[in-house]
């Protein structure tokens, strides 16, 4: 199945929540922090401005990004959970040196 985000939206596969604290303590489901990092799996065409031009989304598919907490909408297909959010809700791209 294929999902193509509309307009200025991106589809993200969020990382799984951590099961252990940095100190090695197992965390119950209520204590797990909601992930704010994931991989872009699909992009929309970009943002259409009032001048009629379309400005493409500046993130490539496969980029690992951080995004705002509680942003976007959950989407489930192919037994996986994804997050569809506006490209403006992406805080930044993780780049290795």
PDB file of N, CA and C in Angstrom:
ATOM      1  N   UNK A   1       0.856  -1.174   0.000  1.00  0.00           N
ATOM      2  CA  UNK A   1       0.000   0.000   0.000  1.00  0.00           C
ATOM      3  C   UNK A   1       0.901   1.235   0.000  1.00  0.00           C
ATOM      4  N   UNK A   2       0.444   2.287  -0.649  1.00  0.00           N
ATOM      5  CA  UNK A   2       1.221   3.509  -0.782  1.00  0.00           C
ATOM      6  C   UNK A   2       0.404   4.680  -0.255  1.00  0.00           C
ATOM      7  N   UNK A   3       1.042   5.542   0.525  1.00  0.00           N
ATOM      8  CA  UNK A   3       0.389   6.742   1.055  1.00  0.00           C
ATOM      9  C   UNK A   3       1.238   7.939   0.658  1.00  0.00           C
ATOM     10  N   UNK A   4       0.632   8.896  -0.043  1.00  0.00           N
ATOM     11  CA  UNK A   4       1.333  10.112  -0.440  1.00  0.00           C
ATOM     12  C   UNK A   4       0.692  11.281   0.308  1.00  0.00           C
ATOM     13  N   UNK A   5       1.460  11.966   1.167  1.00  0.00           N
ATOM     14  CA  UNK A   5       0.910  13.099   1.906  1.00  0.00           C
ATOM     15  C   UNK A   5       0.494  14.229   0.965  1.00  0.00           C
ATOM     16  N   UNK A   6      -0.520  14.948   1.357  1.00  0.00           N
ATOM     17  CA  UNK A   6      -1.049  16.057   0.572  1.00  0.00           C
ATOM     18  C   UNK A   6      -0.290  17.350   0.883  1.00  0.00           C
ATOM     19  N   UNK A   7       0.026  18.115  -0.156  1.00  0.00           N
ATOM     20  CA  UNK A   7       0.592  19.450   0.017  1.00  0.00           C
ATOM     21  C   UNK A   7       1.875  19.492   0.798  1.00  0.00           C
ATOM     22  N   UNK A   8       1.872  20.271   1.884  1.00  0.00           N
ATOM     23  CA  UNK A   8       3.065  20.529   2.690  1.00  0.00           C
ATOM     24  C   UNK A   8       3.162  19.581   3.889  1.00  0.00           C
ATOM     25  N   UNK A   9       2.790  18.329   3.695  1.00  0.00           N
ATOM     26  CA  UNK A   9       2.816  17.364   4.794  1.00  0.00           C
ATOM     27  C   UNK A   9       3.887  16.298   4.558  1.00  0.00           C
ATOM     28  N   UNK A  10       4.333  15.696   5.653  1.00  0.00           N
ATOM     29  CA  UNK A  10       5.286  14.594   5.596  1.00  0.00           C
ATOM     30  C   UNK A  10       4.725  13.423   6.395  1.00  0.00           C
ATOM     31  N   UNK A  11       5.100  12.217   5.990  1.00  0.00           N
ATOM     32  CA  UNK A  11       4.707  11.003   6.703  1.00  0.00           C
ATOM     33  C   UNK A  11       5.946  10.483   7.420  1.00  0.00           C
ATOM     34  N   UNK A  12       5.834  10.296   8.726  1.00  0.00           N
ATOM     35  CA  UNK A  12       6.976   9.919   9.568  1.00  0.00           C
ATOM     36  C   UNK A  12       6.687   8.600  10.265  1.00  0.00           C
ATOM     37  N   UNK A  13       7.699   7.733  10.311  1.00  0.00           N
ATOM     38  CA  UNK A  13       7.652   6.510  11.112  1.00  0.00           C
ATOM     39  C   UNK A  13       8.341   6.836  12.427  1.00  0.00           C
ATOM     40  N   UNK A  14       7.564   7.052  13.520  1.00  0.00           N
ATOM     41  CA  UNK A  14       8.181   7.420  14.806  1.00  0.00           C
ATOM     42  C   UNK A  14       9.037   6.292  15.374  1.00  0.00           C
ATOM     43  N   UNK A  15      10.064   6.680  16.119  1.00  0.00           N
ATOM     44  CA  UNK A  15      10.869   5.691  16.832  1.00  0.00           C
ATOM     45  C   UNK A  15      10.040   5.119  17.971  1.00  0.00           C
ATOM     46  N   UNK A  16      10.393   3.930  18.385  1.00  0.00           N
ATOM     47  CA  UNK A  16       9.702   3.290  19.503  1.00  0.00           C
ATOM     48  C   UNK A  16      10.079   3.972  20.812  1.00  0.00           C
ATOM     49  N   UNK A  17       9.136   4.008  21.757  1.00  0.00           N
ATOM     50  CA  UNK A  17       9.413   4.562  23.083  1.00  0.00           C
ATOM     51  C   UNK A  17      10.401   3.655  23.812  1.00  0.00           C
ATOM     52  N   UNK A  18      11.265   4.251  24.612  1.00  0.00           N
ATOM     53  CA  UNK A  18      12.281   3.497  25.343  1.00  0.00           C
ATOM     54  C   UNK A  18      11.647   2.696  26.472  1.00  0.00           C
ATOM     55  N   UNK A  19      12.066   1.423  26.605  1.00  0.00           N
ATOM     56  CA  UNK A  19      11.549   0.556  27.662  1.00  0.00           C
ATOM     57  C   UNK A  19      12.302   0.725  28.976  1.00  0.00           C
ATOM     58  N   UNK A  20      13.533   1.283  28.889  1.00  0.00           N
ATOM     59  CA  UNK A  20      14.360   1.446  30.086  1.00  0.00           C
ATOM     60  C   UNK A  20      14.805   2.889  30.219  1.00  0.00           C
ATOM     61  N   UNK A  21      14.999   3.306  31.463  1.00  0.00           N
ATOM     62  CA  UNK A  21      15.558   4.628  31.726  1.00  0.00           C
ATOM     63  C   UNK A  21      17.061   4.573  31.452  1.00  0.00           C
ATOM     64  N   UNK A  22      17.731   5.734  31.358  1.00  0.00           N
ATOM     65  CA  UNK A  22      19.186   5.714  31.162  1.00  0.00           C
ATOM     66  C   UNK A  22      19.927   4.939  32.258  1.00  0.00           C
ATOM     67  N   UNK A  23      19.330   4.834  33.431  1.00  0.00           N
ATOM     68  CA  UNK A  23      19.945   4.090  34.531  1.00  0.00           C
ATOM     69  C   UNK A  23      19.651   2.603  34.508  1.00  0.00           C
ATOM     70  N   UNK A  24      18.836   2.137  33.533  1.00  0.00           N
ATOM     71  CA  UNK A  24      18.549   0.717  33.398  1.00  0.00           C
ATOM     72  C   UNK A  24      17.275   0.250  34.070  1.00  0.00           C
ATOM     73  N   UNK A  25      16.459   1.183  34.581  1.00  0.00           N
ATOM     74  CA  UNK A  25      15.208   0.816  35.249  1.00  0.00           C
ATOM     75  C   UNK A  25      14.131   0.606  34.191  1.00  0.00           C
ATOM     76  N   UNK A  26      13.382  -0.519  34.300  1.00  0.00           N
ATOM     77  CA  UNK A  26      12.289  -0.782  33.369  1.00  0.00           C
ATOM     78  C   UNK A  26      11.148   0.200  33.627  1.00  0.00           C
ATOM     79  N   UNK A  27      10.611   0.783  32.565  1.00  0.00           N
ATOM     80  CA  UNK A  27       9.561   1.788  32.687  1.00  0.00           C
ATOM     81  C   UNK A  27       8.199   1.197  32.350  1.00  0.00           C
ATOM     82  N   UNK A  28       7.164   1.492  33.167  1.00  0.00           N
ATOM     83  CA  UNK A  28       5.809   1.070  32.796  1.00  0.00           C
ATOM     84  C   UNK A  28       5.312   1.925  31.628  1.00  0.00           C
ATOM     85  N   UNK A  29       4.254   1.475  30.960  1.00  0.00           N
ATOM     86  CA  UNK A  29       3.736   2.191  29.786  1.00  0.00           C
ATOM     87  C   UNK A  29       3.396   3.645  30.077  1.00  0.00           C
ATOM     88  N   UNK A  30       2.870   3.955  31.268  1.00  0.00           N
ATOM     89  CA  UNK A  30       2.493   5.324  31.602  1.00  0.00           C
ATOM     90  C   UNK A  30       3.700   6.244  31.730  1.00  0.00           C
ATOM     91  N   UNK A  31       4.847   5.709  32.065  1.00  0.00           N
ATOM     92  CA  UNK A  31       6.030   6.534  32.292  1.00  0.00           C
ATOM     93  C   UNK A  31       6.871   6.722  31.035  1.00  0.00           C
ATOM     94  N   UNK A  32       6.540   5.987  29.973  1.00  0.00           N
ATOM     95  CA  UNK A  32       7.327   6.107  28.751  1.00  0.00           C
ATOM     96  C   UNK A  32       7.065   7.459  28.101  1.00  0.00           C
ATOM     97  N   UNK A  33       8.133   8.113  27.709  1.00  0.00           N
ATOM     98  CA  UNK A  33       8.018   9.412  27.066  1.00  0.00           C
ATOM     99  C   UNK A  33       7.637   9.214  25.604  1.00  0.00           C
ATOM    100  N   UNK A  34       6.703  10.040  25.130  1.00  0.00           N
ATOM    101  CA  UNK A  34       6.265   9.955  23.747  1.00  0.00           C
ATOM    102  C   UNK A  34       7.442  10.316  22.832  1.00  0.00           C
ATOM    103  N   UNK A  35       7.741   9.470  21.820  1.00  0.00           N
ATOM    104  CA  UNK A  35       8.882   9.773  20.954  1.00  0.00           C
ATOM    105  C   UNK A  35       8.653  11.035  20.138  1.00  0.00           C
ATOM    106  N   UNK A  36       9.712  11.800  19.914  1.00  0.00           N
ATOM    107  CA  UNK A  36       9.644  13.022  19.109  1.00  0.00           C
ATOM    108  C   UNK A  36      10.663  12.965  17.984  1.00  0.00           C
ATOM    109  N   UNK A  37      11.078  11.753  17.646  1.00  0.00           N
ATOM    110  CA  UNK A  37      12.065  11.566  16.597  1.00  0.00           C
ATOM    111  C   UNK A  37      11.604  10.419  15.706  1.00  0.00           C
ATOM    112  N   UNK A  38      11.843  10.554  14.411  1.00  0.00           N
ATOM    113  CA  UNK A  38      11.443   9.501  13.494  1.00  0.00           C
ATOM    114  C   UNK A  38      12.054   9.700  12.123  1.00  0.00           C
ATOM    115  N   UNK A  39      11.720   8.784  11.224  1.00  0.00           N
ATOM    116  CA  UNK A  39      12.269   8.799   9.876  1.00  0.00           C
ATOM    117  C   UNK A  39      11.169   9.181   8.883  1.00  0.00           C
ATOM    118  N   UNK A  40      11.480  10.102   7.979  1.00  0.00           N
ATOM    119  CA  UNK A  40      10.522  10.503   6.947  1.00  0.00           C
ATOM    120  C   UNK A  40      10.430   9.386   5.914  1.00  0.00           C
ATOM    121  N   UNK A  41       9.196   8.918   5.674  1.00  0.00           N
ATOM    122  CA  UNK A  41       8.996   7.851   4.700  1.00  0.00           C
ATOM    123  C   UNK A  41       8.318   8.356   3.425  1.00  0.00           C
ATOM    124  N   UNK A  42       7.678   9.540   3.479  1.00  0.00           N
ATOM    125  CA  UNK A  42       7.052  10.113   2.284  1.00  0.00           C
ATOM    126  C   UNK A  42       6.868  11.615   2.470  1.00  0.00           C
ATOM    127  N   UNK A  43       6.954  12.347   1.357  1.00  0.00           N
ATOM    128  CA  UNK A  43       6.770  13.799   1.342  1.00  0.00           C
ATOM    129  C   UNK A  43       5.616  14.171   0.424  1.00  0.00           C
ATOM    130  N   UNK A  44       4.956  15.285   0.748  1.00  0.00           N
ATOM    131  CA  UNK A  44       4.001  15.877  -0.181  1.00  0.00           C
ATOM    132  C   UNK A  44       4.762  16.697  -1.219  1.00  0.00           C
ATOM    133  N   UNK A  45       4.038  17.434  -2.062  1.00  0.00           N
ATOM    134  CA  UNK A  45       4.722  18.194  -3.121  1.00  0.00           C
ATOM    135  C   UNK A  45       5.337  19.481  -2.614  1.00  0.00           C
ATOM    136  N   UNK A  46       4.822  20.018  -1.518  1.00  0.00           N
ATOM    137  CA  UNK A  46       5.366  21.254  -0.974  1.00  0.00           C
ATOM    138  C   UNK A  46       4.268  22.268  -0.715  1.00  0.00           C
ATOM    139  N   UNK A  47       4.690  23.480  -0.373  1.00  0.00           N
ATOM    140  CA  UNK A  47       3.759  24.549   0.019  1.00  0.00           C
ATOM    141  C   UNK A  47       3.495  25.473  -1.159  1.00  0.00           C
ATOM    142  N   UNK A  48       2.207  25.684  -1.447  1.00  0.00           N
ATOM    143  CA  UNK A  48       1.827  26.614  -2.502  1.00  0.00           C
ATOM    144  C   UNK A  48       1.614  27.985  -1.871  1.00  0.00           C
ATOM    145  N   UNK A  49       2.377  28.951  -2.312  1.00  0.00           N
ATOM    146  CA  UNK A  49       2.281  30.317  -1.803  1.00  0.00           C
ATOM    147  C   UNK A  49       1.265  31.116  -2.602  1.00  0.00           C
ATOM    148  N   UNK A  50       0.951  32.312  -2.134  1.00  0.00           N
ATOM    149  CA  UNK A  50      -0.048  33.158  -2.796  1.00  0.00           C
ATOM    150  C   UNK A  50       0.379  33.591  -4.194  1.00  0.00           C
ATOM    151  N   UNK A  51       1.682  33.554  -4.481  1.00  0.00           N
ATOM    152  CA  UNK A  51       2.152  33.919  -5.818  1.00  0.00           C
ATOM    153  C   UNK A  51       1.994  32.776  -6.818  1.00  0.00           C
ATOM    154  N   UNK A  52       1.506  31.621  -6.350  1.00  0.00           N
ATOM    155  CA  UNK A  52       1.274  30.478  -7.225  1.00  0.00           C
ATOM    156  C   UNK A  52       2.432  29.497  -7.295  1.00  0.00           C
ATOM    157  N   UNK A  53       3.589  29.877  -6.796  1.00  0.00           N
ATOM    158  CA  UNK A  53       4.747  28.985  -6.813  1.00  0.00           C
ATOM    159  C   UNK A  53       4.630  27.920  -5.732  1.00  0.00           C
ATOM    160  N   UNK A  54       5.179  26.746  -6.020  1.00  0.00           N
ATOM    161  CA  UNK A  54       5.228  25.662  -5.046  1.00  0.00           C
ATOM    162  C   UNK A  54       6.662  25.569  -4.535  1.00  0.00           C
ATOM    163  N   UNK A  55       6.813  25.669  -3.221  1.00  0.00           N
ATOM    164  CA  UNK A  55       8.122  25.569  -2.589  1.00  0.00           C
ATOM    165  C   UNK A  55       8.250  24.161  -2.012  1.00  0.00           C
ATOM    166  N   UNK A  56       9.193  23.358  -2.545  1.00  0.00           N
ATOM    167  CA  UNK A  56       9.295  21.957  -2.123  1.00  0.00           C
ATOM    168  C   UNK A  56       9.688  21.816  -0.656  1.00  0.00           C
ATOM    169  N   UNK A  57       9.336  20.676  -0.100  1.00  0.00           N
ATOM    170  CA  UNK A  57       9.682  20.357   1.285  1.00  0.00           C
ATOM    171  C   UNK A  57      11.197  20.133   1.354  1.00  0.00           C
ATOM    172  N   UNK A  58      11.884  20.779   2.305  1.00  0.00           N
ATOM    173  CA  UNK A  58      13.344  20.714   2.334  1.00  0.00           C
ATOM    174  C   UNK A  58      13.929  19.443   2.953  1.00  0.00           C
ATOM    175  N   UNK A  59      13.117  18.428   3.204  1.00  0.00           N
ATOM    176  CA  UNK A  59      13.599  17.190   3.823  1.00  0.00           C
ATOM    177  C   UNK A  59      13.476  16.052   2.819  1.00  0.00           C
ATOM    178  N   UNK A  60      14.479  15.189   2.773  1.00  0.00           N
ATOM    179  CA  UNK A  60      14.455  14.034   1.882  1.00  0.00           C
ATOM    180  C   UNK A  60      13.838  12.841   2.597  1.00  0.00           C
ATOM    181  N   UNK A  61      13.262  11.940   1.807  1.00  0.00           N
ATOM    182  CA  UNK A  61      12.778  10.689   2.376  1.00  0.00           C
ATOM    183  C   UNK A  61      13.976   9.933   2.940  1.00  0.00           C
ATOM    184  N   UNK A  62      13.799   9.354   4.118  1.00  0.00           N
ATOM    185  CA  UNK A  62      14.889   8.653   4.791  1.00  0.00           C
ATOM    186  C   UNK A  62      15.600   9.500   5.831  1.00  0.00           C
ATOM    187  N   UNK A  63      15.346  10.815   5.846  1.00  0.00           N
ATOM    188  CA  UNK A  63      15.972  11.692   6.842  1.00  0.00           C
ATOM    189  C   UNK A  63      15.404  11.407   8.230  1.00  0.00           C
ATOM    190  N   UNK A  64      16.261  11.443   9.234  1.00  0.00           N
ATOM    191  CA  UNK A  64      15.822  11.301  10.618  1.00  0.00           C
ATOM    192  C   UNK A  64      15.614  12.712  11.161  1.00  0.00           C
ATOM    193  N   UNK A  65      14.413  12.969  11.668  1.00  0.00           N
ATOM    194  CA  UNK A  65      14.041  14.314  12.098  1.00  0.00           C
ATOM    195  C   UNK A  65      13.474  14.311  13.515  1.00  0.00           C
ATOM    196  N   UNK A  66      13.517  15.479  14.134  1.00  0.00           N
ATOM    197  CA  UNK A  66      12.819  15.739  15.390  1.00  0.00           C
ATOM    198  C   UNK A  66      11.602  16.586  15.050  1.00  0.00           C
ATOM    199  N   UNK A  67      10.493  16.333  15.747  1.00  0.00           N
ATOM    200  CA  UNK A  67       9.268  17.076  15.474  1.00  0.00           C
ATOM    201  C   UNK A  67       8.618  17.502  16.788  1.00  0.00           C
ATOM    202  N   UNK A  68       7.693  18.453  16.687  1.00  0.00           N
ATOM    203  CA  UNK A  68       7.022  19.002  17.864  1.00  0.00           C
ATOM    204  C   UNK A  68       6.189  17.929  18.562  1.00  0.00           C
ATOM    205  N   UNK A  69       6.155  18.000  19.889  1.00  0.00           N
ATOM    206  CA  UNK A  69       5.316  17.083  20.655  1.00  0.00           C
ATOM    207  C   UNK A  69       3.849  17.322  20.340  1.00  0.00           C
ATOM    208  N   UNK A  70       3.087  16.261  20.307  1.00  0.00           N
ATOM    209  CA  UNK A  70       1.636  16.312  20.116  1.00  0.00           C
ATOM    210  C   UNK A  70       1.235  16.963  18.796  1.00  0.00           C
ATOM    211  N   UNK A  71       2.089  16.892  17.788  1.00  0.00           N
ATOM    212  CA  UNK A  71       1.724  17.440  16.482  1.00  0.00           C
ATOM    213  C   UNK A  71       1.353  16.297  15.549  1.00  0.00           C
ATOM    214  N   UNK A  72       0.583  16.596  14.535  1.00  0.00           N
ATOM    215  CA  UNK A  72       0.245  15.624  13.509  1.00  0.00           C
ATOM    216  C   UNK A  72      -0.888  14.700  13.888  1.00  0.00           C
ATOM    217  N   UNK A  73      -1.166  13.776  12.980  1.00  0.00           N
ATOM    218  CA  UNK A  73      -2.241  12.799  13.141  1.00  0.00           C
ATOM    219  C   UNK A  73      -1.681  11.402  12.961  1.00  0.00           C
ATOM    220  N   UNK A  74      -2.124  10.482  13.831  1.00  0.00           N
ATOM    221  CA  UNK A  74      -1.697   9.100  13.716  1.00  0.00           C
ATOM    222  C   UNK A  74      -2.443   8.446  12.562  1.00  0.00           C
ATOM    223  N   UNK A  75      -1.705   7.657  11.786  1.00  0.00           N
ATOM    224  CA  UNK A  75      -2.281   6.909  10.673  1.00  0.00           C
ATOM    225  C   UNK A  75      -1.773   5.487  10.783  1.00  0.00           C
ATOM    226  N   UNK A  76      -2.671   4.517  10.624  1.00  0.00           N
ATOM    227  CA  UNK A  76      -2.271   3.116  10.671  1.00  0.00           C
ATOM    228  C   UNK A  76      -2.610   2.451   9.353  1.00  0.00           C
ATOM    229  N   UNK A  77      -1.612   1.816   8.729  1.00  0.00           N
ATOM    230  CA  UNK A  77      -1.844   0.951   7.585  1.00  0.00           C
ATOM    231  C   UNK A  77      -0.701  -0.031   7.468  1.00  0.00           C
ATOM    232  N   UNK A  78      -0.959  -1.150   6.827  1.00  0.00           N
ATOM    233  CA  UNK A  78       0.014  -2.239   6.725  1.00  0.00           C
ATOM    234  C   UNK A  78       0.529  -2.657   8.103  1.00  0.00           C
ATOM    235  N   UNK A  79      -0.341  -2.583   9.102  1.00  0.00           N
ATOM    236  CA  UNK A  79      -0.031  -2.983  10.484  1.00  0.00           C
ATOM    237  C   UNK A  79       1.095  -2.169  11.111  1.00  0.00           C
ATOM    238  N   UNK A  80       1.336  -0.985  10.576  1.00  0.00           N
ATOM    239  CA  UNK A  80       2.327  -0.070  11.141  1.00  0.00           C
ATOM    240  C   UNK A  80       1.649   1.237  11.503  1.00  0.00           C
ATOM    241  N   UNK A  81       2.236   1.957  12.460  1.00  0.00           N
ATOM    242  CA  UNK A  81       1.706   3.249  12.863  1.00  0.00           C
ATOM    243  C   UNK A  81       2.643   4.347  12.369  1.00  0.00           C
ATOM    244  N   UNK A  82       2.050   5.368  11.743  1.00  0.00           N
ATOM    245  CA  UNK A  82       2.798   6.490  11.200  1.00  0.00           C
ATOM    246  C   UNK A  82       2.219   7.787  11.747  1.00  0.00           C
ATOM    247  N   UNK A  83       2.928   8.871  11.521  1.00  0.00           N
ATOM    248  CA  UNK A  83       2.486  10.190  11.922  1.00  0.00           C
ATOM    249  C   UNK A  83       2.531  11.088  10.693  1.00  0.00           C
ATOM    250  N   UNK A  84       1.401  11.707  10.359  1.00  0.00           N
ATOM    251  CA  UNK A  84       1.334  12.637   9.235  1.00  0.00           C
ATOM    252  C   UNK A  84       1.236  14.040   9.828  1.00  0.00           C
ATOM    253  N   UNK A  85       2.230  14.877   9.507  1.00  0.00           N
ATOM    254  CA  UNK A  85       2.231  16.216  10.075  1.00  0.00           C
ATOM    255  C   UNK A  85       2.700  17.238   9.062  1.00  0.00           C
ATOM    256  N   UNK A  86       2.414  18.485   9.361  1.00  0.00           N
ATOM    257  CA  UNK A  86       2.827  19.589   8.508  1.00  0.00           C
ATOM    258  C   UNK A  86       4.346  19.709   8.550  1.00  0.00           C
ATOM    259  N   UNK A  87       4.962  20.001   7.422  1.00  0.00           N
ATOM    260  CA  UNK A  87       6.420  20.112   7.360  1.00  0.00           C
ATOM    261  C   UNK A  87       6.939  21.210   8.287  1.00  0.00           C
ATOM    262  N   UNK A  88       6.115  22.202   8.596  1.00  0.00           N
ATOM    263  CA  UNK A  88       6.527  23.274   9.507  1.00  0.00           C
ATOM    264  C   UNK A  88       6.658  22.794  10.949  1.00  0.00           C
ATOM    265  N   UNK A  89       6.065  21.623  11.277  1.00  0.00           N
ATOM    266  CA  UNK A  89       6.178  21.059  12.624  1.00  0.00           C
ATOM    267  C   UNK A  89       7.473  20.276  12.822  1.00  0.00           C
ATOM    268  N   UNK A  90       8.247  20.091  11.754  1.00  0.00           N
ATOM    269  CA  UNK A  90       9.545  19.433  11.871  1.00  0.00           C
ATOM    270  C   UNK A  90      10.529  20.457  12.421  1.00  0.00           C
ATOM    271  N   UNK A  91      11.163  20.120  13.542  1.00  0.00           N
ATOM    272  CA  UNK A  91      12.084  21.050  14.202  1.00  0.00           C
ATOM    273  C   UNK A  91      13.462  21.062  13.559  1.00  0.00           C
ATOM    274  N   UNK A  92      13.893  19.909  13.061  1.00  0.00           N
ATOM    275  CA  UNK A  92      15.214  19.841  12.439  1.00  0.00           C
ATOM    276  C   UNK A  92      15.554  18.436  12.010  1.00  0.00           C
ATOM    277  N   UNK A  93      16.620  18.335  11.236  1.00  0.00           N
ATOM    278  CA  UNK A  93      17.098  17.063  10.690  1.00  0.00           C
ATOM    279  C   UNK A  93      18.354  16.647  11.453  1.00  0.00           C
ATOM    280  N   UNK A  94      18.443  15.377  11.778  1.00  0.00           N
ATOM    281  CA  UNK A  94      19.613  14.831  12.449  1.00  0.00           C
ATOM    282  C   UNK A  94      20.638  14.445  11.383  1.00  0.00           C
ATOM    283  N   UNK A  95      21.846  15.033  11.466  1.00  0.00           N
ATOM    284  CA  UNK A  95      22.895  14.786  10.476  1.00  0.00           C
ATOM    285  C   UNK A  95      24.128  14.257  11.197  1.00  0.00           C
ATOM    286  N   UNK A  96      24.743  13.239  10.641  1.00  0.00           N
ATOM    287  CA  UNK A  96      25.979  12.726  11.249  1.00  0.00           C
ATOM    288  C   UNK A  96      27.162  13.472  10.661  1.00  0.00           C
ATOM    289  N   UNK A  97      28.192  13.672  11.471  1.00  0.00           N
ATOM    290  CA  UNK A  97      29.377  14.420  11.026  1.00  0.00           C
ATOM    291  C   UNK A  97      30.335  13.528  10.291  1.00  0.00           C
TER     292      UNK A  97
END
